[in-house]
């Protein structure tokens, strides 16, 4: 394991406790008590602050990856520069019917539909869709769709090892992105080989919907 990726359960617990005390005070059960105990408790809190600074210095010396850890714990927004293992990257949400990707912030269907559709019907299919009791779904842009590809894995589909998805086909999936060079085509991702390719919109391919993000290039 690289030094920049070292983790320690004890350090993780300490960072969470320090975060609750000084960053997310409203979530700390003891903060209401601390708020009115007076000067003596204020001095005690100052000691905790010093401990927090010492802990931060120790974490730096240990090569602790604070950005990946913070994303794992939900302290900072997802960022596309991160590369997280599947166990940290994916979280089941919406009654386990969907998957939150902590690298991108997108919420994916856990089990996408296995019916093929033309590009127009793929877009129309997504809008009224309901998953886990929630609407607001859409077809992905090509950048979003390709973000789930991991060409380093053997076999297919080319998804990150340990992913929680089901029924993903080793075939082509529509994006909402039209090919600007050929307006009758749209971009797809083939999860069989991890390819990104432009195909005619009248073809029938699979559909995978997401919730969140900025959406879409359809025209």
N, C-alpha and C. Protein backbone atom coordinates (compact mmCIF):
# COMPACT_ATOMS: atom_id res chain seq x y z
N UNK A 1 0.84 -1.20 0.00
CA UNK A 1 0.00 0.00 0.00
C UNK A 1 0.87 1.24 0.00
N UNK A 2 0.58 2.22 -0.81
CA UNK A 2 1.34 3.45 -0.89
C UNK A 2 1.20 4.23 0.42
N UNK A 3 2.24 4.98 0.78
CA UNK A 3 2.21 5.74 2.03
C UNK A 3 1.10 6.76 2.03
N UNK A 4 0.74 7.28 0.86
CA UNK A 4 -0.31 8.30 0.77
C UNK A 4 -1.69 7.71 0.99
N UNK A 5 -1.78 6.36 1.05
CA UNK A 5 -3.08 5.72 1.20
C UNK A 5 -3.20 4.99 2.54
N UNK A 6 -2.25 5.20 3.48
CA UNK A 6 -2.28 4.51 4.75
C UNK A 6 -3.51 4.91 5.56
N UNK A 7 -4.11 3.96 6.20
CA UNK A 7 -5.23 4.24 7.09
C UNK A 7 -5.03 3.49 8.39
N UNK A 8 -5.67 3.95 9.44
CA UNK A 8 -5.57 3.31 10.75
C UNK A 8 -6.91 3.50 11.44
N UNK A 9 -7.56 2.42 11.89
CA UNK A 9 -8.87 2.56 12.55
C UNK A 9 -8.85 3.54 13.70
N UNK A 10 -7.78 3.51 14.52
CA UNK A 10 -7.70 4.43 15.65
C UNK A 10 -7.65 5.87 15.18
N UNK A 11 -6.81 6.14 14.16
CA UNK A 11 -6.72 7.49 13.64
C UNK A 11 -8.04 7.93 13.04
N UNK A 12 -8.72 7.01 12.35
CA UNK A 12 -10.02 7.36 11.77
C UNK A 12 -11.01 7.77 12.86
N UNK A 13 -11.04 7.02 13.95
CA UNK A 13 -11.97 7.37 15.05
C UNK A 13 -11.61 8.71 15.66
N UNK A 14 -10.30 8.99 15.80
CA UNK A 14 -9.87 10.26 16.36
C UNK A 14 -10.23 11.43 15.46
N UNK A 15 -10.06 11.25 14.14
CA UNK A 15 -10.40 12.32 13.20
C UNK A 15 -11.89 12.60 13.22
N UNK A 16 -12.71 11.54 13.26
CA UNK A 16 -14.16 11.71 13.33
C UNK A 16 -14.55 12.47 14.59
N UNK A 17 -13.96 12.09 15.75
CA UNK A 17 -14.28 12.75 17.01
C UNK A 17 -13.87 14.21 16.97
N UNK A 18 -12.68 14.48 16.43
CA UNK A 18 -12.19 15.86 16.33
C UNK A 18 -13.07 16.69 15.41
N UNK A 19 -13.50 16.09 14.30
CA UNK A 19 -14.40 16.77 13.36
C UNK A 19 -15.71 17.12 14.04
N UNK A 20 -16.29 16.17 14.79
CA UNK A 20 -17.56 16.42 15.47
C UNK A 20 -17.45 17.54 16.49
N UNK A 21 -16.31 17.64 17.18
CA UNK A 21 -16.14 18.64 18.22
C UNK A 21 -15.95 20.04 17.66
N UNK A 22 -15.18 20.16 16.57
CA UNK A 22 -14.77 21.49 16.14
C UNK A 22 -15.28 21.92 14.78
N UNK A 23 -15.82 21.00 13.97
CA UNK A 23 -16.33 21.35 12.65
C UNK A 23 -17.83 21.20 12.59
N UNK A 24 -18.36 20.15 13.17
CA UNK A 24 -19.78 19.85 13.07
C UNK A 24 -20.40 19.85 14.47
N UNK A 25 -20.33 20.97 15.15
CA UNK A 25 -20.72 21.02 16.56
C UNK A 25 -22.16 20.63 16.80
N UNK A 26 -23.01 20.92 15.84
CA UNK A 26 -24.43 20.62 16.03
C UNK A 26 -24.68 19.12 16.13
N UNK A 27 -23.76 18.31 15.55
CA UNK A 27 -23.93 16.87 15.58
C UNK A 27 -23.32 16.24 16.82
N UNK A 28 -22.65 17.01 17.65
CA UNK A 28 -21.97 16.49 18.85
C UNK A 28 -22.95 16.49 20.01
N UNK A 29 -23.20 15.33 20.59
CA UNK A 29 -24.18 15.21 21.67
C UNK A 29 -23.78 16.03 22.90
N UNK A 30 -22.46 16.23 23.10
CA UNK A 30 -22.00 16.91 24.31
C UNK A 30 -21.88 18.43 24.14
N UNK A 31 -22.12 18.91 22.92
CA UNK A 31 -21.85 20.33 22.71
C UNK A 31 -22.78 21.24 23.51
N UNK A 32 -24.03 20.84 23.67
CA UNK A 32 -24.96 21.67 24.45
C UNK A 32 -24.45 21.84 25.88
N UNK A 33 -23.89 20.77 26.44
CA UNK A 33 -23.35 20.85 27.79
C UNK A 33 -22.13 21.75 27.82
N UNK A 34 -21.25 21.59 26.83
CA UNK A 34 -20.03 22.40 26.78
C UNK A 34 -20.35 23.87 26.65
N UNK A 35 -21.45 24.17 26.00
CA UNK A 35 -21.82 25.53 25.68
C UNK A 35 -22.07 26.38 26.92
N UNK A 36 -22.43 25.76 28.08
CA UNK A 36 -22.77 26.59 29.24
C UNK A 36 -22.01 26.21 30.51
N UNK A 37 -21.01 25.41 30.44
CA UNK A 37 -20.31 24.98 31.65
C UNK A 37 -19.29 26.00 32.16
N UNK A 38 -19.02 27.06 31.40
CA UNK A 38 -18.20 28.13 31.93
C UNK A 38 -16.71 27.99 31.67
N UNK A 39 -15.97 28.76 32.45
CA UNK A 39 -14.55 28.91 32.21
C UNK A 39 -13.77 27.60 32.29
N UNK A 40 -14.10 26.77 33.27
CA UNK A 40 -13.37 25.52 33.44
C UNK A 40 -13.51 24.63 32.22
N UNK A 41 -14.72 24.55 31.69
CA UNK A 41 -14.94 23.73 30.50
C UNK A 41 -14.28 24.35 29.28
N UNK A 42 -14.21 25.68 29.23
CA UNK A 42 -13.53 26.35 28.13
C UNK A 42 -12.05 25.97 28.10
N UNK A 43 -11.45 25.92 29.30
CA UNK A 43 -10.05 25.50 29.38
C UNK A 43 -9.89 24.06 28.90
N UNK A 44 -10.85 23.22 29.26
CA UNK A 44 -10.79 21.82 28.82
C UNK A 44 -10.88 21.74 27.30
N UNK A 45 -11.75 22.55 26.71
CA UNK A 45 -11.89 22.54 25.26
C UNK A 45 -10.60 23.00 24.58
N UNK A 46 -9.91 23.98 25.20
CA UNK A 46 -8.64 24.43 24.64
C UNK A 46 -7.62 23.29 24.61
N UNK A 47 -7.66 22.44 25.62
CA UNK A 47 -6.77 21.28 25.64
C UNK A 47 -7.10 20.33 24.49
N UNK A 48 -8.41 20.17 24.22
CA UNK A 48 -8.81 19.33 23.09
C UNK A 48 -8.31 19.90 21.77
N UNK A 49 -8.35 21.24 21.68
CA UNK A 49 -7.88 21.87 20.45
C UNK A 49 -6.39 21.60 20.25
N UNK A 50 -5.63 21.71 21.32
CA UNK A 50 -4.20 21.41 21.24
C UNK A 50 -3.99 19.97 20.83
N UNK A 51 -4.78 19.07 21.42
CA UNK A 51 -4.69 17.66 21.06
C UNK A 51 -5.00 17.45 19.58
N UNK A 52 -5.99 18.19 19.09
CA UNK A 52 -6.35 18.09 17.68
C UNK A 52 -5.21 18.52 16.77
N UNK A 53 -4.51 19.61 17.15
CA UNK A 53 -3.38 20.07 16.36
C UNK A 53 -2.25 19.04 16.36
N UNK A 54 -2.00 18.45 17.54
CA UNK A 54 -0.97 17.42 17.62
C UNK A 54 -1.35 16.21 16.78
N UNK A 55 -2.64 15.85 16.81
CA UNK A 55 -3.12 14.73 16.02
C UNK A 55 -2.94 15.00 14.53
N UNK A 56 -3.26 16.22 14.11
CA UNK A 56 -3.11 16.57 12.70
C UNK A 56 -1.65 16.46 12.26
N UNK A 57 -0.73 16.91 13.14
CA UNK A 57 0.69 16.81 12.82
C UNK A 57 1.12 15.36 12.73
N UNK A 58 0.63 14.52 13.63
CA UNK A 58 0.98 13.11 13.63
C UNK A 58 0.46 12.42 12.38
N UNK A 59 -0.76 12.78 11.99
CA UNK A 59 -1.35 12.21 10.77
C UNK A 59 -0.51 12.56 9.56
N UNK A 60 -0.02 13.81 9.51
CA UNK A 60 0.83 14.21 8.40
C UNK A 60 2.11 13.40 8.34
N UNK A 61 2.70 13.14 9.50
CA UNK A 61 3.92 12.34 9.53
C UNK A 61 3.68 10.90 9.11
N UNK A 62 2.48 10.39 9.38
CA UNK A 62 2.14 9.01 9.03
C UNK A 62 1.77 8.86 7.56
N UNK A 63 1.65 9.97 6.83
CA UNK A 63 1.28 9.89 5.42
C UNK A 63 -0.19 9.56 5.23
N UNK A 64 -1.04 9.96 6.17
CA UNK A 64 -2.47 9.66 6.12
C UNK A 64 -3.12 10.44 4.99
N UNK A 65 -3.91 9.77 4.14
CA UNK A 65 -4.58 10.42 3.01
C UNK A 65 -5.86 11.08 3.50
N UNK A 66 -5.72 12.35 3.95
CA UNK A 66 -6.87 13.00 4.57
C UNK A 66 -7.99 13.30 3.59
N UNK A 67 -7.66 13.52 2.30
CA UNK A 67 -8.70 13.83 1.32
C UNK A 67 -9.58 12.61 1.06
N UNK A 68 -8.96 11.45 0.84
CA UNK A 68 -9.73 10.23 0.61
C UNK A 68 -10.53 9.86 1.84
N UNK A 69 -9.92 10.04 3.03
CA UNK A 69 -10.63 9.71 4.27
C UNK A 69 -11.83 10.63 4.47
N UNK A 70 -11.65 11.93 4.22
CA UNK A 70 -12.75 12.87 4.39
C UNK A 70 -13.89 12.55 3.45
N UNK A 71 -13.57 12.19 2.20
CA UNK A 71 -14.62 11.82 1.24
C UNK A 71 -15.35 10.57 1.69
N UNK A 72 -14.58 9.61 2.21
CA UNK A 72 -15.17 8.36 2.70
C UNK A 72 -16.18 8.63 3.80
N UNK A 73 -15.86 9.58 4.70
CA UNK A 73 -16.74 9.89 5.82
C UNK A 73 -17.79 10.93 5.47
N UNK A 74 -17.76 11.47 4.26
CA UNK A 74 -18.77 12.44 3.85
C UNK A 74 -18.53 13.84 4.34
N UNK A 75 -17.27 14.19 4.72
CA UNK A 75 -16.99 15.51 5.25
C UNK A 75 -16.83 16.56 4.16
N UNK A 76 -16.46 16.15 2.94
CA UNK A 76 -16.28 17.10 1.84
C UNK A 76 -17.04 16.59 0.63
N UNK A 77 -17.39 17.49 -0.31
CA UNK A 77 -18.12 17.06 -1.50
C UNK A 77 -17.29 16.10 -2.35
N UNK A 78 -17.95 15.25 -3.16
CA UNK A 78 -17.20 14.37 -4.07
C UNK A 78 -16.36 15.19 -5.03
N UNK A 79 -15.23 14.64 -5.43
CA UNK A 79 -14.34 15.33 -6.37
C UNK A 79 -13.83 14.33 -7.39
N UNK A 80 -13.82 14.72 -8.65
CA UNK A 80 -13.47 13.80 -9.72
C UNK A 80 -11.98 13.45 -9.72
N UNK A 81 -11.16 14.15 -8.95
CA UNK A 81 -9.74 13.81 -8.90
C UNK A 81 -9.47 12.61 -8.00
N UNK A 82 -10.45 12.20 -7.22
CA UNK A 82 -10.26 11.09 -6.30
C UNK A 82 -10.31 9.74 -7.00
N UNK A 83 -9.58 8.78 -6.45
CA UNK A 83 -9.62 7.40 -6.93
C UNK A 83 -9.78 6.51 -5.70
N UNK A 84 -11.02 6.11 -5.44
CA UNK A 84 -11.33 5.37 -4.22
C UNK A 84 -11.54 3.89 -4.53
N UNK A 85 -11.18 3.00 -3.60
CA UNK A 85 -11.53 1.58 -3.76
C UNK A 85 -13.04 1.41 -3.68
N UNK A 86 -13.55 0.35 -4.29
CA UNK A 86 -15.00 0.15 -4.36
C UNK A 86 -15.65 0.14 -2.99
N UNK A 87 -14.96 -0.40 -1.98
CA UNK A 87 -15.55 -0.48 -0.64
C UNK A 87 -15.80 0.90 -0.05
N UNK A 88 -15.00 1.90 -0.45
CA UNK A 88 -15.19 3.28 0.01
C UNK A 88 -15.99 4.10 -0.98
N UNK A 89 -15.90 3.75 -2.25
CA UNK A 89 -16.49 4.56 -3.31
C UNK A 89 -18.01 4.43 -3.38
N UNK A 90 -18.54 3.22 -3.21
CA UNK A 90 -19.96 2.98 -3.45
C UNK A 90 -20.73 2.75 -2.14
N UNK A 91 -21.94 3.34 -2.08
CA UNK A 91 -22.80 3.18 -0.92
C UNK A 91 -24.24 2.96 -1.38
N UNK A 92 -24.87 1.93 -0.87
CA UNK A 92 -26.27 1.66 -1.20
C UNK A 92 -27.16 2.72 -0.55
N UNK A 93 -28.09 3.27 -1.33
CA UNK A 93 -29.01 4.30 -0.86
C UNK A 93 -30.42 4.01 -1.39
N UNK A 94 -31.38 4.84 -0.97
CA UNK A 94 -32.76 4.71 -1.42
C UNK A 94 -33.27 3.27 -1.24
N UNK A 95 -33.21 2.81 0.01
CA UNK A 95 -33.67 1.45 0.35
C UNK A 95 -32.94 0.38 -0.46
N UNK A 96 -31.66 0.61 -0.70
CA UNK A 96 -30.79 -0.33 -1.42
C UNK A 96 -31.17 -0.50 -2.89
N UNK A 97 -31.97 0.41 -3.41
CA UNK A 97 -32.36 0.34 -4.82
C UNK A 97 -31.43 1.14 -5.72
N UNK A 98 -30.55 1.93 -5.11
CA UNK A 98 -29.65 2.78 -5.87
C UNK A 98 -28.28 2.79 -5.20
N UNK A 99 -27.30 3.32 -5.93
CA UNK A 99 -25.92 3.33 -5.45
C UNK A 99 -25.34 4.74 -5.57
N UNK A 100 -24.85 5.28 -4.47
CA UNK A 100 -24.15 6.56 -4.49
C UNK A 100 -22.68 6.34 -4.83
N UNK A 101 -22.20 7.06 -5.85
CA UNK A 101 -20.80 7.02 -6.23
C UNK A 101 -20.12 8.23 -5.59
N UNK A 102 -19.26 8.00 -4.60
CA UNK A 102 -18.64 9.09 -3.86
C UNK A 102 -17.52 9.78 -4.64
N UNK A 103 -17.10 9.22 -5.75
CA UNK A 103 -16.13 9.92 -6.59
C UNK A 103 -16.78 11.04 -7.39
N UNK A 104 -18.00 10.82 -7.85
CA UNK A 104 -18.67 11.79 -8.71
C UNK A 104 -19.89 12.45 -8.08
N UNK A 105 -20.45 11.84 -7.04
CA UNK A 105 -21.66 12.35 -6.42
C UNK A 105 -22.94 11.91 -7.11
N UNK A 106 -22.82 11.10 -8.16
CA UNK A 106 -23.99 10.62 -8.88
C UNK A 106 -24.65 9.45 -8.14
N UNK A 107 -25.97 9.38 -8.24
CA UNK A 107 -26.72 8.24 -7.70
C UNK A 107 -27.20 7.40 -8.88
N UNK A 108 -26.73 6.15 -8.95
CA UNK A 108 -27.03 5.25 -10.05
C UNK A 108 -28.10 4.25 -9.66
N UNK A 109 -28.87 3.80 -10.65
CA UNK A 109 -29.71 2.63 -10.42
C UNK A 109 -28.80 1.46 -10.04
N UNK A 110 -29.18 0.73 -9.02
CA UNK A 110 -28.40 -0.45 -8.67
C UNK A 110 -28.54 -1.54 -9.73
N UNK A 111 -29.76 -1.70 -10.24
CA UNK A 111 -30.03 -2.75 -11.22
C UNK A 111 -30.73 -2.13 -12.43
N UNK A 112 -29.97 -1.71 -13.43
CA UNK A 112 -30.58 -1.07 -14.60
C UNK A 112 -31.46 -2.02 -15.40
N UNK A 113 -32.41 -1.44 -16.10
CA UNK A 113 -33.34 -2.19 -16.93
C UNK A 113 -32.59 -2.95 -18.02
N UNK A 114 -33.09 -4.11 -18.40
CA UNK A 114 -32.40 -4.94 -19.40
C UNK A 114 -33.11 -4.93 -20.76
N UNK A 115 -33.96 -3.93 -20.98
CA UNK A 115 -34.61 -3.76 -22.28
C UNK A 115 -33.83 -2.77 -23.12
N UNK A 116 -33.60 -3.06 -24.39
CA UNK A 116 -32.90 -2.13 -25.27
C UNK A 116 -33.90 -1.16 -25.90
N UNK A 117 -33.43 0.06 -26.18
CA UNK A 117 -34.28 1.11 -26.74
C UNK A 117 -33.47 1.96 -27.71
N UNK A 118 -34.19 2.68 -28.57
CA UNK A 118 -33.51 3.68 -29.39
C UNK A 118 -33.13 4.86 -28.51
N UNK A 119 -32.30 5.75 -29.03
CA UNK A 119 -31.81 6.88 -28.24
C UNK A 119 -32.94 7.77 -27.74
N UNK A 120 -33.88 8.10 -28.62
CA UNK A 120 -35.00 8.97 -28.23
C UNK A 120 -35.82 8.32 -27.13
N UNK A 121 -36.14 7.05 -27.27
CA UNK A 121 -36.95 6.37 -26.27
C UNK A 121 -36.17 6.15 -24.97
N UNK A 122 -34.85 6.09 -25.06
CA UNK A 122 -34.04 5.98 -23.85
C UNK A 122 -34.18 7.24 -22.99
N UNK A 123 -34.15 8.40 -23.65
CA UNK A 123 -34.30 9.67 -22.93
C UNK A 123 -35.70 9.81 -22.35
N UNK A 124 -36.71 9.47 -23.16
CA UNK A 124 -38.10 9.57 -22.70
C UNK A 124 -38.36 8.59 -21.55
N UNK A 125 -37.74 7.42 -21.61
CA UNK A 125 -37.92 6.40 -20.57
C UNK A 125 -37.41 6.86 -19.21
N UNK A 126 -36.35 7.65 -19.20
CA UNK A 126 -35.70 8.01 -17.94
C UNK A 126 -36.49 9.03 -17.13
N UNK A 127 -37.11 10.00 -17.76
CA UNK A 127 -37.70 11.12 -17.03
C UNK A 127 -38.80 10.74 -16.04
N UNK A 128 -39.75 9.89 -16.37
CA UNK A 128 -40.80 9.55 -15.39
C UNK A 128 -40.40 8.40 -14.45
N UNK A 129 -39.21 7.87 -14.61
CA UNK A 129 -38.78 6.69 -13.86
C UNK A 129 -38.77 6.95 -12.35
N UNK A 130 -39.10 5.92 -11.59
CA UNK A 130 -39.05 6.00 -10.13
C UNK A 130 -38.24 4.82 -9.59
N UNK A 131 -37.26 5.13 -8.76
CA UNK A 131 -36.40 4.11 -8.15
C UNK A 131 -36.29 4.41 -6.67
N UNK A 132 -36.52 3.40 -5.84
CA UNK A 132 -36.43 3.61 -4.40
C UNK A 132 -37.39 4.67 -3.88
N UNK A 133 -38.53 4.82 -4.54
CA UNK A 133 -39.52 5.80 -4.11
C UNK A 133 -39.19 7.24 -4.48
N UNK A 134 -38.25 7.44 -5.39
CA UNK A 134 -37.85 8.79 -5.79
C UNK A 134 -37.81 8.92 -7.30
N UNK A 135 -38.30 10.06 -7.79
CA UNK A 135 -38.19 10.40 -9.21
C UNK A 135 -37.00 11.34 -9.40
N UNK A 136 -36.88 11.93 -10.59
CA UNK A 136 -35.77 12.83 -10.86
C UNK A 136 -34.61 12.16 -11.57
N UNK A 137 -34.89 11.09 -12.31
CA UNK A 137 -33.85 10.33 -13.00
C UNK A 137 -33.67 10.83 -14.43
N UNK A 138 -32.52 10.54 -14.99
CA UNK A 138 -32.20 11.01 -16.35
C UNK A 138 -31.16 10.09 -16.98
N UNK A 139 -30.97 10.26 -18.29
CA UNK A 139 -29.90 9.59 -18.99
C UNK A 139 -28.59 10.34 -18.73
N UNK A 140 -27.49 9.62 -18.64
CA UNK A 140 -26.20 10.24 -18.32
C UNK A 140 -25.57 10.91 -19.52
N UNK A 141 -24.70 11.89 -19.27
CA UNK A 141 -23.81 12.38 -20.31
C UNK A 141 -22.73 11.33 -20.55
N UNK A 142 -22.01 11.46 -21.64
CA UNK A 142 -20.98 10.46 -21.95
C UNK A 142 -19.86 10.49 -20.91
N UNK A 143 -19.53 11.67 -20.39
CA UNK A 143 -18.48 11.75 -19.38
C UNK A 143 -18.89 11.02 -18.10
N UNK A 144 -20.15 11.20 -17.71
CA UNK A 144 -20.64 10.53 -16.51
C UNK A 144 -20.70 9.02 -16.68
N UNK A 145 -21.20 8.59 -17.82
CA UNK A 145 -21.32 7.16 -18.08
C UNK A 145 -19.96 6.48 -18.11
N UNK A 146 -19.00 7.14 -18.75
CA UNK A 146 -17.65 6.57 -18.86
C UNK A 146 -16.92 6.57 -17.52
N UNK A 147 -17.36 7.39 -16.57
CA UNK A 147 -16.67 7.47 -15.28
C UNK A 147 -16.75 6.17 -14.49
N UNK A 148 -17.67 5.29 -14.85
CA UNK A 148 -17.82 4.03 -14.13
C UNK A 148 -16.98 2.90 -14.73
N UNK A 149 -16.37 3.16 -15.87
CA UNK A 149 -15.57 2.12 -16.54
C UNK A 149 -14.24 1.92 -15.83
N UNK A 150 -13.86 0.65 -15.68
CA UNK A 150 -12.54 0.30 -15.15
C UNK A 150 -11.95 -0.77 -16.07
N UNK A 151 -11.09 -0.35 -16.98
CA UNK A 151 -10.53 -1.27 -17.97
C UNK A 151 -9.44 -2.16 -17.39
N UNK A 152 -9.07 -1.92 -16.13
CA UNK A 152 -8.01 -2.74 -15.53
C UNK A 152 -8.54 -4.09 -15.04
N UNK A 153 -9.85 -4.25 -14.93
CA UNK A 153 -10.40 -5.51 -14.43
C UNK A 153 -10.42 -6.55 -15.56
N UNK A 154 -10.25 -7.80 -15.16
CA UNK A 154 -10.34 -8.88 -16.15
C UNK A 154 -11.80 -9.27 -16.32
N UNK A 155 -12.14 -9.79 -17.48
CA UNK A 155 -13.52 -10.17 -17.73
C UNK A 155 -14.40 -8.96 -17.99
N UNK A 156 -15.69 -9.17 -17.95
CA UNK A 156 -16.64 -8.10 -18.20
C UNK A 156 -17.90 -8.35 -17.35
N UNK A 157 -18.69 -7.30 -17.09
CA UNK A 157 -18.53 -5.92 -17.57
C UNK A 157 -17.35 -5.21 -16.91
N UNK A 158 -16.86 -4.17 -17.58
CA UNK A 158 -15.69 -3.44 -17.11
C UNK A 158 -16.09 -2.41 -16.05
N UNK A 159 -16.44 -2.92 -14.88
CA UNK A 159 -16.80 -2.11 -13.74
C UNK A 159 -15.77 -2.33 -12.64
N UNK A 160 -15.63 -1.36 -11.70
CA UNK A 160 -14.65 -1.52 -10.62
C UNK A 160 -14.87 -2.81 -9.84
N UNK A 161 -13.79 -3.50 -9.52
CA UNK A 161 -13.86 -4.74 -8.76
C UNK A 161 -14.53 -4.49 -7.41
N UNK A 162 -15.50 -5.34 -7.07
CA UNK A 162 -16.22 -5.19 -5.81
C UNK A 162 -17.42 -4.26 -5.87
N UNK A 163 -17.80 -3.84 -7.07
CA UNK A 163 -18.95 -2.94 -7.22
C UNK A 163 -20.24 -3.63 -6.76
N UNK A 164 -21.27 -2.86 -6.38
CA UNK A 164 -22.52 -3.45 -5.88
C UNK A 164 -23.63 -3.57 -6.91
N UNK A 165 -23.35 -3.30 -8.19
CA UNK A 165 -24.40 -3.27 -9.21
C UNK A 165 -24.82 -4.68 -9.63
N UNK A 166 -26.03 -4.75 -10.19
CA UNK A 166 -26.58 -6.03 -10.67
C UNK A 166 -27.17 -5.83 -12.06
N UNK A 167 -27.18 -6.90 -12.85
CA UNK A 167 -27.82 -6.91 -14.18
C UNK A 167 -27.18 -5.95 -15.18
N UNK A 168 -25.94 -5.57 -14.97
CA UNK A 168 -25.26 -4.72 -15.95
C UNK A 168 -24.78 -5.61 -17.10
N UNK A 169 -25.17 -5.27 -18.31
CA UNK A 169 -24.86 -6.08 -19.48
C UNK A 169 -23.49 -5.72 -20.05
N UNK A 170 -22.81 -6.72 -20.59
CA UNK A 170 -21.51 -6.48 -21.24
C UNK A 170 -21.75 -6.03 -22.68
N UNK A 171 -22.41 -4.89 -22.79
CA UNK A 171 -22.82 -4.39 -24.09
C UNK A 171 -22.88 -2.88 -24.05
N UNK A 172 -23.48 -2.26 -25.07
CA UNK A 172 -23.47 -0.81 -25.21
C UNK A 172 -24.65 -0.16 -24.48
N UNK A 173 -24.34 0.98 -23.81
CA UNK A 173 -25.35 1.77 -23.09
C UNK A 173 -25.36 3.18 -23.64
N UNK A 174 -26.56 3.70 -23.83
CA UNK A 174 -26.73 5.06 -24.35
C UNK A 174 -26.25 6.11 -23.35
N UNK A 175 -25.66 7.18 -23.87
CA UNK A 175 -25.53 8.43 -23.13
C UNK A 175 -26.48 9.44 -23.76
N UNK A 176 -26.63 10.57 -23.12
CA UNK A 176 -27.49 11.62 -23.69
C UNK A 176 -26.73 12.53 -24.65
N UNK A 177 -25.46 12.25 -24.87
CA UNK A 177 -24.59 13.15 -25.64
C UNK A 177 -24.63 12.85 -27.14
N UNK A 178 -25.10 13.82 -27.90
CA UNK A 178 -25.10 13.72 -29.36
C UNK A 178 -23.68 13.88 -29.90
N UNK A 179 -23.35 13.14 -30.94
CA UNK A 179 -22.07 13.28 -31.64
C UNK A 179 -22.12 14.56 -32.47
N UNK A 180 -21.34 15.57 -32.10
CA UNK A 180 -21.42 16.87 -32.80
C UNK A 180 -20.95 16.76 -34.25
N UNK A 181 -20.18 15.74 -34.56
CA UNK A 181 -19.72 15.55 -35.94
C UNK A 181 -20.74 14.85 -36.81
N UNK A 182 -21.63 14.09 -36.16
CA UNK A 182 -22.68 13.36 -36.88
C UNK A 182 -23.94 13.40 -36.02
N UNK A 183 -24.83 14.35 -36.30
CA UNK A 183 -25.97 14.60 -35.42
C UNK A 183 -26.93 13.42 -35.33
N UNK A 184 -26.87 12.50 -36.29
CA UNK A 184 -27.74 11.33 -36.25
C UNK A 184 -27.18 10.24 -35.33
N UNK A 185 -26.01 10.50 -34.73
CA UNK A 185 -25.37 9.56 -33.81
C UNK A 185 -25.34 10.12 -32.39
N UNK A 186 -25.21 9.23 -31.42
CA UNK A 186 -24.98 9.62 -30.03
C UNK A 186 -23.89 8.72 -29.47
N UNK A 187 -23.25 9.17 -28.41
CA UNK A 187 -22.16 8.42 -27.81
C UNK A 187 -22.68 7.34 -26.88
N UNK A 188 -22.01 6.20 -26.89
CA UNK A 188 -22.37 5.09 -26.00
C UNK A 188 -21.11 4.60 -25.31
N UNK A 189 -21.32 3.88 -24.21
CA UNK A 189 -20.23 3.17 -23.54
C UNK A 189 -20.52 1.68 -23.61
N UNK A 190 -19.56 0.93 -24.10
CA UNK A 190 -19.68 -0.53 -24.14
C UNK A 190 -18.97 -1.14 -22.95
N UNK A 191 -19.71 -1.69 -22.02
CA UNK A 191 -19.11 -2.20 -20.80
C UNK A 191 -18.46 -3.57 -21.00
N UNK A 192 -18.61 -4.15 -22.18
CA UNK A 192 -17.92 -5.40 -22.47
C UNK A 192 -16.42 -5.20 -22.56
N UNK A 193 -16.00 -4.09 -23.22
CA UNK A 193 -14.57 -3.80 -23.39
C UNK A 193 -14.18 -2.44 -22.81
N UNK A 194 -15.16 -1.70 -22.32
CA UNK A 194 -14.88 -0.37 -21.80
C UNK A 194 -14.71 0.67 -22.89
N UNK A 195 -15.26 0.41 -24.06
CA UNK A 195 -15.08 1.32 -25.18
C UNK A 195 -16.07 2.49 -25.11
N UNK A 196 -15.68 3.60 -25.70
CA UNK A 196 -16.54 4.77 -25.90
C UNK A 196 -16.62 4.99 -27.40
N UNK A 197 -17.84 4.95 -27.94
CA UNK A 197 -18.01 4.96 -29.39
C UNK A 197 -19.30 5.67 -29.76
N UNK A 198 -19.34 6.22 -30.97
CA UNK A 198 -20.52 6.90 -31.49
C UNK A 198 -21.32 5.92 -32.36
N UNK A 199 -22.63 5.80 -32.06
CA UNK A 199 -23.50 4.90 -32.82
C UNK A 199 -24.77 5.62 -33.24
N UNK A 200 -25.41 5.12 -34.28
CA UNK A 200 -26.61 5.75 -34.83
C UNK A 200 -27.75 5.71 -33.80
N UNK A 201 -28.49 6.81 -33.70
CA UNK A 201 -29.53 6.94 -32.68
C UNK A 201 -30.71 6.00 -32.88
N UNK A 202 -30.88 5.48 -34.08
CA UNK A 202 -32.00 4.57 -34.34
C UNK A 202 -31.69 3.14 -33.88
N UNK A 203 -30.46 2.90 -33.44
CA UNK A 203 -30.11 1.58 -32.93
C UNK A 203 -30.72 1.32 -31.56
N UNK A 204 -30.76 0.07 -31.18
CA UNK A 204 -31.33 -0.32 -29.89
C UNK A 204 -30.22 -0.76 -28.93
N UNK A 205 -30.08 0.03 -27.85
CA UNK A 205 -29.06 -0.27 -26.85
C UNK A 205 -29.62 -0.10 -25.45
N UNK A 206 -28.83 -0.44 -24.45
CA UNK A 206 -29.32 -0.44 -23.07
C UNK A 206 -29.34 0.96 -22.47
N UNK A 207 -30.07 1.08 -21.36
CA UNK A 207 -30.27 2.37 -20.69
C UNK A 207 -29.94 2.22 -19.21
N UNK A 208 -29.14 3.14 -18.70
CA UNK A 208 -28.80 3.19 -17.27
C UNK A 208 -29.04 4.61 -16.80
N UNK A 209 -29.87 4.79 -15.80
CA UNK A 209 -30.28 6.13 -15.36
C UNK A 209 -29.56 6.55 -14.09
N UNK A 210 -29.40 7.87 -13.94
CA UNK A 210 -28.81 8.43 -12.72
C UNK A 210 -29.69 9.56 -12.19
N UNK A 211 -29.37 9.92 -10.96
CA UNK A 211 -30.03 11.03 -10.28
C UNK A 211 -28.96 11.97 -9.75
N UNK A 212 -29.17 13.27 -9.89
CA UNK A 212 -28.17 14.25 -9.47
C UNK A 212 -27.29 14.66 -10.63
N UNK A 213 -26.26 15.43 -10.30
CA UNK A 213 -25.36 15.92 -11.34
C UNK A 213 -25.99 17.07 -12.11
N UNK A 214 -25.39 17.38 -13.24
CA UNK A 214 -25.81 18.56 -14.00
C UNK A 214 -26.59 18.23 -15.28
N UNK A 215 -26.57 16.97 -15.79
CA UNK A 215 -27.33 16.63 -16.98
C UNK A 215 -26.83 17.35 -18.20
N UNK A 216 -27.75 17.57 -19.25
CA UNK A 216 -27.62 16.63 -20.31
C UNK A 216 -27.40 17.33 -21.63
N UNK A 217 -26.88 16.57 -22.61
CA UNK A 217 -26.52 17.13 -23.90
C UNK A 217 -27.53 16.78 -24.99
N UNK A 218 -28.63 16.18 -24.63
CA UNK A 218 -29.59 15.71 -25.64
C UNK A 218 -30.08 16.84 -26.53
N UNK A 219 -30.30 16.54 -27.80
CA UNK A 219 -30.86 17.53 -28.73
C UNK A 219 -31.56 16.82 -29.88
